[in-house]
Amino acid sequence: MSTFDTSRTTYGTASAVSRFFAMISDITTSVVAWNDARVTRNALAALSDRELDDIGLSRSDIDAIADRNIIR
C-alpha cells in the first residue's frame, strides 16, 4: 500500500515572496520619504527671509528641517 501526502507546502517559495514584497515596501517607503523632504525643502525655499524669520527659521535651517523627517 502506498500513500500520497498532499498537505506539504513549499516553504522556500513563501519566504522568498515575503522577502520580495518587504523589499518593494522598503523601496516605496524610501521614495515617499525622499519626496516629502523634497516638497518640504521647496516650500521653505519659496518663502522670503522675513517669512522664514517669522516662523523662527533661517535659510541655513532648510536642509536640516527637510532631512529631519526622512525615515532611515
PDB file of N, CA and C in Angstrom:
ATOM      1  N   MET A   1       0.847  -1.166   0.000  1.00  0.00           N
ATOM      2  CA  MET A   1       0.000   0.000   0.000  1.00  0.00           C
ATOM      3  C   MET A   1       0.898   1.237   0.000  1.00  0.00           C
ATOM      4  N   SER A   2       0.521   2.232  -0.751  1.00  0.00           N
ATOM      5  CA  SER A   2       1.286   3.471  -0.793  1.00  0.00           C
ATOM      6  C   SER A   2       0.377   4.645  -0.460  1.00  0.00           C
ATOM      7  N   THR A   3       1.007   5.690   0.038  1.00  0.00           N
ATOM      8  CA  THR A   3       0.239   6.897   0.371  1.00  0.00           C
ATOM      9  C   THR A   3       0.833   8.081  -0.375  1.00  0.00           C
ATOM     10  N   PHE A   4       0.029   9.082  -0.520  1.00  0.00           N
ATOM     11  CA  PHE A   4       0.447  10.299  -1.197  1.00  0.00           C
ATOM     12  C   PHE A   4       0.097  11.477  -0.299  1.00  0.00           C
ATOM     13  N   ASP A   5       1.102  12.194   0.164  1.00  0.00           N
ATOM     14  CA  ASP A   5       0.891  13.308   1.094  1.00  0.00           C
ATOM     15  C   ASP A   5       0.672  14.591   0.299  1.00  0.00           C
ATOM     16  N   THR A   6      -0.498  15.188   0.436  1.00  0.00           N
ATOM     17  CA  THR A   6      -0.824  16.418  -0.298  1.00  0.00           C
ATOM     18  C   THR A   6      -0.861  17.645   0.605  1.00  0.00           C
ATOM     19  N   SER A   7      -0.484  17.500   1.858  1.00  0.00           N
ATOM     20  CA  SER A   7      -0.585  18.634   2.779  1.00  0.00           C
ATOM     21  C   SER A   7       0.707  19.433   2.883  1.00  0.00           C
ATOM     22  N   ARG A   8       1.747  19.066   2.195  1.00  0.00           N
ATOM     23  CA  ARG A   8       3.011  19.788   2.277  1.00  0.00           C
ATOM     24  C   ARG A   8       2.961  21.060   1.429  1.00  0.00           C
ATOM     25  N   THR A   9       3.663  22.059   1.907  1.00  0.00           N
ATOM     26  CA  THR A   9       3.771  23.309   1.162  1.00  0.00           C
ATOM     27  C   THR A   9       5.224  23.533   0.779  1.00  0.00           C
ATOM     28  N   THR A  10       5.441  24.428  -0.098  1.00  0.00           N
ATOM     29  CA  THR A  10       6.808  24.782  -0.478  1.00  0.00           C
ATOM     30  C   THR A  10       7.242  25.952   0.379  1.00  0.00           C
ATOM     31  N   TYR A  11       7.970  25.666   1.422  1.00  0.00           N
ATOM     32  CA  TYR A  11       8.342  26.679   2.403  1.00  0.00           C
ATOM     33  C   TYR A  11       9.249  27.755   1.812  1.00  0.00           C
ATOM     34  N   GLY A  12      10.144  27.388   0.961  1.00  0.00           N
ATOM     35  CA  GLY A  12      11.067  28.351   0.391  1.00  0.00           C
ATOM     36  C   GLY A  12      10.377  29.398  -0.459  1.00  0.00           C
ATOM     37  N   THR A  13       9.342  29.010  -1.168  1.00  0.00           N
ATOM     38  CA  THR A  13       8.637  29.947  -2.034  1.00  0.00           C
ATOM     39  C   THR A  13       7.931  31.029  -1.226  1.00  0.00           C
ATOM     40  N   ALA A  14       7.301  30.642  -0.129  1.00  0.00           N
ATOM     41  CA  ALA A  14       6.571  31.610   0.690  1.00  0.00           C
ATOM     42  C   ALA A  14       7.515  32.659   1.274  1.00  0.00           C
ATOM     43  N   SER A  15       8.665  32.244   1.753  1.00  0.00           N
ATOM     44  CA  SER A  15       9.578  33.214   2.352  1.00  0.00           C
ATOM     45  C   SER A  15      10.220  34.102   1.277  1.00  0.00           C
ATOM     46  N   ALA A  16      10.471  33.548   0.097  1.00  0.00           N
ATOM     47  CA  ALA A  16      11.039  34.361  -0.980  1.00  0.00           C
ATOM     48  C   ALA A  16      10.051  35.437  -1.422  1.00  0.00           C
ATOM     49  N   VAL A  17       8.798  35.067  -1.530  1.00  0.00           N
ATOM     50  CA  VAL A  17       7.766  36.034  -1.916  1.00  0.00           C
ATOM     51  C   VAL A  17       7.621  37.097  -0.832  1.00  0.00           C
ATOM     52  N   SER A  18       7.668  36.686   0.421  1.00  0.00           N
ATOM     53  CA  SER A  18       7.570  37.633   1.532  1.00  0.00           C
ATOM     54  C   SER A  18       8.739  38.615   1.519  1.00  0.00           C
ATOM     55  N   ARG A  19       9.955  38.109   1.292  1.00  0.00           N
ATOM     56  CA  ARG A  19      11.121  38.990   1.224  1.00  0.00           C
ATOM     57  C   ARG A  19      11.019  39.954   0.047  1.00  0.00           C
ATOM     58  N   PHE A  20      10.497  39.471  -1.072  1.00  0.00           N
ATOM     59  CA  PHE A  20      10.339  40.328  -2.243  1.00  0.00           C
ATOM     60  C   PHE A  20       9.390  41.482  -1.945  1.00  0.00           C
ATOM     61  N   PHE A  21       8.234  41.187  -1.350  1.00  0.00           N
ATOM     62  CA  PHE A  21       7.278  42.245  -1.052  1.00  0.00           C
ATOM     63  C   PHE A  21       7.780  43.170   0.056  1.00  0.00           C
ATOM     64  N   ALA A  22       8.578  42.653   0.985  1.00  0.00           N
ATOM     65  CA  ALA A  22       9.176  43.510   2.007  1.00  0.00           C
ATOM     66  C   ALA A  22      10.162  44.476   1.358  1.00  0.00           C
ATOM     67  N   MET A  23      10.930  43.998   0.380  1.00  0.00           N
ATOM     68  CA  MET A  23      11.875  44.859  -0.322  1.00  0.00           C
ATOM     69  C   MET A  23      11.126  45.948  -1.101  1.00  0.00           C
ATOM     70  N   ILE A  24      10.040  45.582  -1.778  1.00  0.00           N
ATOM     71  CA  ILE A  24       9.230  46.563  -2.509  1.00  0.00           C
ATOM     72  C   ILE A  24       8.658  47.601  -1.540  1.00  0.00           C
ATOM     73  N   SER A  25       8.223  47.153  -0.386  1.00  0.00           N
ATOM     74  CA  SER A  25       7.680  48.065   0.620  1.00  0.00           C
ATOM     75  C   SER A  25       8.759  49.027   1.121  1.00  0.00           C
ATOM     76  N   ASP A  26       9.969  48.524   1.359  1.00  0.00           N
ATOM     77  CA  ASP A  26      11.070  49.381   1.808  1.00  0.00           C
ATOM     78  C   ASP A  26      11.427  50.426   0.755  1.00  0.00           C
ATOM     79  N   ILE A  27      11.451  50.019  -0.500  1.00  0.00           N
ATOM     80  CA  ILE A  27      11.760  50.955  -1.581  1.00  0.00           C
ATOM     81  C   ILE A  27      10.688  52.030  -1.668  1.00  0.00           C
ATOM     82  N   THR A  28       9.434  51.618  -1.574  1.00  0.00           N
ATOM     83  CA  THR A  28       8.320  52.569  -1.637  1.00  0.00           C
ATOM     84  C   THR A  28       8.395  53.564  -0.480  1.00  0.00           C
ATOM     85  N   THR A  29       8.694  53.075   0.708  1.00  0.00           N
ATOM     86  CA  THR A  29       8.811  53.943   1.879  1.00  0.00           C
ATOM     87  C   THR A  29       9.934  54.960   1.695  1.00  0.00           C
ATOM     88  N   SER A  30      11.051  54.518   1.139  1.00  0.00           N
ATOM     89  CA  SER A  30      12.180  55.425   0.902  1.00  0.00           C
ATOM     90  C   SER A  30      11.841  56.502  -0.124  1.00  0.00           C
ATOM     91  N   VAL A  31      11.144  56.119  -1.175  1.00  0.00           N
ATOM     92  CA  VAL A  31      10.768  57.089  -2.222  1.00  0.00           C
ATOM     93  C   VAL A  31       9.779  58.113  -1.655  1.00  0.00           C
ATOM     94  N   VAL A  32       8.827  57.658  -0.868  1.00  0.00           N
ATOM     95  CA  VAL A  32       7.843  58.574  -0.272  1.00  0.00           C
ATOM     96  C   VAL A  32       8.536  59.538   0.689  1.00  0.00           C
ATOM     97  N   ALA A  33       9.463  59.047   1.503  1.00  0.00           N
ATOM     98  CA  ALA A  33      10.185  59.920   2.430  1.00  0.00           C
ATOM     99  C   ALA A  33      11.031  60.936   1.679  1.00  0.00           C
ATOM    100  N   TRP A  34      11.696  60.500   0.617  1.00  0.00           N
ATOM    101  CA  TRP A  34      12.501  61.420  -0.191  1.00  0.00           C
ATOM    102  C   TRP A  34      11.618  62.513  -0.805  1.00  0.00           C
ATOM    103  N   ASN A  35      10.452  62.118  -1.311  1.00  0.00           N
ATOM    104  CA  ASN A  35       9.559  63.093  -1.935  1.00  0.00           C
ATOM    105  C   ASN A  35       9.022  64.079  -0.902  1.00  0.00           C
ATOM    106  N   ASP A  36       8.701  63.608   0.289  1.00  0.00           N
ATOM    107  CA  ASP A  36       8.241  64.517   1.348  1.00  0.00           C
ATOM    108  C   ASP A  36       9.319  65.545   1.697  1.00  0.00           C
ATOM    109  N   ALA A  37      10.563  65.100   1.784  1.00  0.00           N
ATOM    110  CA  ALA A  37      11.659  66.023   2.077  1.00  0.00           C
ATOM    111  C   ALA A  37      11.827  67.024   0.948  1.00  0.00           C
ATOM    112  N   ARG A  38      11.698  66.567  -0.278  1.00  0.00           N
ATOM    113  CA  ARG A  38      11.829  67.454  -1.443  1.00  0.00           C
ATOM    114  C   ARG A  38      10.737  68.520  -1.436  1.00  0.00           C
ATOM    115  N   VAL A  39       9.506  68.116  -1.157  1.00  0.00           N
ATOM    116  CA  VAL A  39       8.386  69.061  -1.129  1.00  0.00           C
ATOM    117  C   VAL A  39       8.577  70.072   0.004  1.00  0.00           C
ATOM    118  N   THR A  40       9.006  69.592   1.170  1.00  0.00           N
ATOM    119  CA  THR A  40       9.244  70.486   2.306  1.00  0.00           C
ATOM    120  C   THR A  40      10.342  71.488   1.977  1.00  0.00           C
ATOM    121  N   ARG A  41      11.432  70.989   1.391  1.00  0.00           N
ATOM    122  CA  ARG A  41      12.556  71.865   1.028  1.00  0.00           C
ATOM    123  C   ARG A  41      12.108  72.941   0.036  1.00  0.00           C
ATOM    124  N   ASN A  42      11.344  72.550  -0.971  1.00  0.00           N
ATOM    125  CA  ASN A  42      10.878  73.519  -1.971  1.00  0.00           C
ATOM    126  C   ASN A  42       9.917  74.546  -1.373  1.00  0.00           C
ATOM    127  N   ALA A  43       9.035  74.096  -0.491  1.00  0.00           N
ATOM    128  CA  ALA A  43       8.082  75.026   0.130  1.00  0.00           C
ATOM    129  C   ALA A  43       8.799  76.040   1.009  1.00  0.00           C
ATOM    130  N   LEU A  44       9.777  75.587   1.793  1.00  0.00           N
ATOM    131  CA  LEU A  44      10.511  76.518   2.647  1.00  0.00           C
ATOM    132  C   LEU A  44      11.405  77.446   1.835  1.00  0.00           C
ATOM    133  N   ALA A  45      11.978  76.937   0.756  1.00  0.00           N
ATOM    134  CA  ALA A  45      12.846  77.765  -0.080  1.00  0.00           C
ATOM    135  C   ALA A  45      12.056  78.861  -0.788  1.00  0.00           C
ATOM    136  N   ALA A  46      10.764  78.637  -1.000  1.00  0.00           N
ATOM    137  CA  ALA A  46       9.936  79.632  -1.675  1.00  0.00           C
ATOM    138  C   ALA A  46       9.554  80.791  -0.760  1.00  0.00           C
ATOM    139  N   LEU A  47       9.736  80.640   0.541  1.00  0.00           N
ATOM    140  CA  LEU A  47       9.405  81.713   1.482  1.00  0.00           C
ATOM    141  C   LEU A  47      10.485  82.793   1.460  1.00  0.00           C
ATOM    142  N   SER A  48      10.066  83.995   1.770  1.00  0.00           N
ATOM    143  CA  SER A  48      11.027  85.094   1.863  1.00  0.00           C
ATOM    144  C   SER A  48      11.785  84.987   3.188  1.00  0.00           C
ATOM    145  N   ASP A  49      12.866  85.759   3.301  1.00  0.00           N
ATOM    146  CA  ASP A  49      13.649  85.751   4.543  1.00  0.00           C
ATOM    147  C   ASP A  49      12.810  86.218   5.722  1.00  0.00           C
ATOM    148  N   ARG A  50      11.945  87.180   5.484  1.00  0.00           N
ATOM    149  CA  ARG A  50      11.088  87.683   6.564  1.00  0.00           C
ATOM    150  C   ARG A  50      10.090  86.620   7.009  1.00  0.00           C
ATOM    151  N   GLU A  51       9.506  85.898   6.045  1.00  0.00           N
ATOM    152  CA  GLU A  51       8.565  84.833   6.401  1.00  0.00           C
ATOM    153  C   GLU A  51       9.264  83.707   7.166  1.00  0.00           C
ATOM    154  N   LEU A  52      10.482  83.380   6.756  1.00  0.00           N
ATOM    155  CA  LEU A  52      11.242  82.373   7.485  1.00  0.00           C
ATOM    156  C   LEU A  52      11.548  82.848   8.898  1.00  0.00           C
ATOM    157  N   ASP A  53      11.896  84.120   9.043  1.00  0.00           N
ATOM    158  CA  ASP A  53      12.173  84.677  10.363  1.00  0.00           C
ATOM    159  C   ASP A  53      10.928  84.649  11.244  1.00  0.00           C
ATOM    160  N   ASP A  54       9.768  84.860  10.652  1.00  0.00           N
ATOM    161  CA  ASP A  54       8.512  84.823  11.412  1.00  0.00           C
ATOM    162  C   ASP A  54       8.257  83.445  12.024  1.00  0.00           C
ATOM    163  N   ILE A  55       8.686  82.403  11.353  1.00  0.00           N
ATOM    164  CA  ILE A  55       8.472  81.055  11.897  1.00  0.00           C
ATOM    165  C   ILE A  55       9.727  80.528  12.614  1.00  0.00           C
ATOM    166  N   GLY A  56      10.705  81.395  12.799  1.00  0.00           N
ATOM    167  CA  GLY A  56      11.886  81.044  13.580  1.00  0.00           C
ATOM    168  C   GLY A  56      12.933  80.250  12.835  1.00  0.00           C
ATOM    169  N   LEU A  57      13.003  80.411  11.519  1.00  0.00           N
ATOM    170  CA  LEU A  57      13.986  79.686  10.717  1.00  0.00           C
ATOM    171  C   LEU A  57      14.852  80.650   9.922  1.00  0.00           C
ATOM    172  N   SER A  58      15.968  80.141   9.479  1.00  0.00           N
ATOM    173  CA  SER A  58      16.809  80.889   8.548  1.00  0.00           C
ATOM    174  C   SER A  58      17.043  80.001   7.329  1.00  0.00           C
ATOM    175  N   ARG A  59      17.626  80.560   6.296  1.00  0.00           N
ATOM    176  CA  ARG A  59      17.880  79.783   5.075  1.00  0.00           C
ATOM    177  C   ARG A  59      18.760  78.565   5.355  1.00  0.00           C
ATOM    178  N   SER A  60      19.682  78.703   6.291  1.00  0.00           N
ATOM    179  CA  SER A  60      20.579  77.583   6.592  1.00  0.00           C
ATOM    180  C   SER A  60      19.872  76.435   7.314  1.00  0.00           C
ATOM    181  N   ASP A  61      18.694  76.683   7.859  1.00  0.00           N
ATOM    182  CA  ASP A  61      17.941  75.634   8.566  1.00  0.00           C
ATOM    183  C   ASP A  61      17.115  74.760   7.621  1.00  0.00           C
ATOM    184  N   ILE A  62      16.933  75.159   6.393  1.00  0.00           N
ATOM    185  CA  ILE A  62      16.008  74.472   5.488  1.00  0.00           C
ATOM    186  C   ILE A  62      16.403  73.019   5.269  1.00  0.00           C
ATOM    187  N   ASP A  63      17.669  72.752   4.965  1.00  0.00           N
ATOM    188  CA  ASP A  63      18.084  71.376   4.715  1.00  0.00           C
ATOM    189  C   ASP A  63      17.925  70.503   5.958  1.00  0.00           C
ATOM    190  N   ALA A  64      18.254  71.041   7.118  1.00  0.00           N
ATOM    191  CA  ALA A  64      18.128  70.261   8.362  1.00  0.00           C
ATOM    192  C   ALA A  64      16.671  69.922   8.646  1.00  0.00           C
ATOM    193  N   ILE A  65      15.778  70.870   8.412  1.00  0.00           N
ATOM    194  CA  ILE A  65      14.352  70.638   8.648  1.00  0.00           C
ATOM    195  C   ILE A  65      13.812  69.606   7.653  1.00  0.00           C
ATOM    196  N   ALA A  66      14.179  69.722   6.410  1.00  0.00           N
ATOM    197  CA  ALA A  66      13.686  68.803   5.382  1.00  0.00           C
ATOM    198  C   ALA A  66      14.220  67.382   5.602  1.00  0.00           C
ATOM    199  N   ASP A  67      15.476  67.263   6.003  1.00  0.00           N
ATOM    200  CA  ASP A  67      16.074  65.939   6.180  1.00  0.00           C
ATOM    201  C   ASP A  67      15.720  65.297   7.512  1.00  0.00           C
ATOM    202  N   ARG A  68      15.190  66.053   8.432  1.00  0.00           N
ATOM    203  CA  ARG A  68      14.839  65.533   9.760  1.00  0.00           C
ATOM    204  C   ARG A  68      13.742  64.467   9.668  1.00  0.00           C
ATOM    205  N   ASN A  69      12.825  64.609   8.725  1.00  0.00           N
ATOM    206  CA  ASN A  69      11.680  63.700   8.657  1.00  0.00           C
ATOM    207  C   ASN A  69      11.920  62.470   7.795  1.00  0.00           C
ATOM    208  N   ILE A  70      13.104  62.320   7.227  1.00  0.00           N
ATOM    209  CA  ILE A  70      13.381  61.153   6.388  1.00  0.00           C
ATOM    210  C   ILE A  70      13.562  59.929   7.268  1.00  0.00           C
ATOM    211  N   ILE A  71      12.864  58.877   6.931  1.00  0.00           N
ATOM    212  CA  ILE A  71      12.980  57.618   7.664  1.00  0.00           C
ATOM    213  C   ILE A  71      14.206  56.874   7.158  1.00  0.00           C
ATOM    214  N   ARG A  72      15.100  56.544   8.031  1.00  0.00           N
ATOM    215  CA  ARG A  72      16.325  55.846   7.629  1.00  0.00           C
ATOM    216  C   ARG A  72      16.373  54.496   8.249  1.00  0.00           C
TER     217      ARG A  72
END
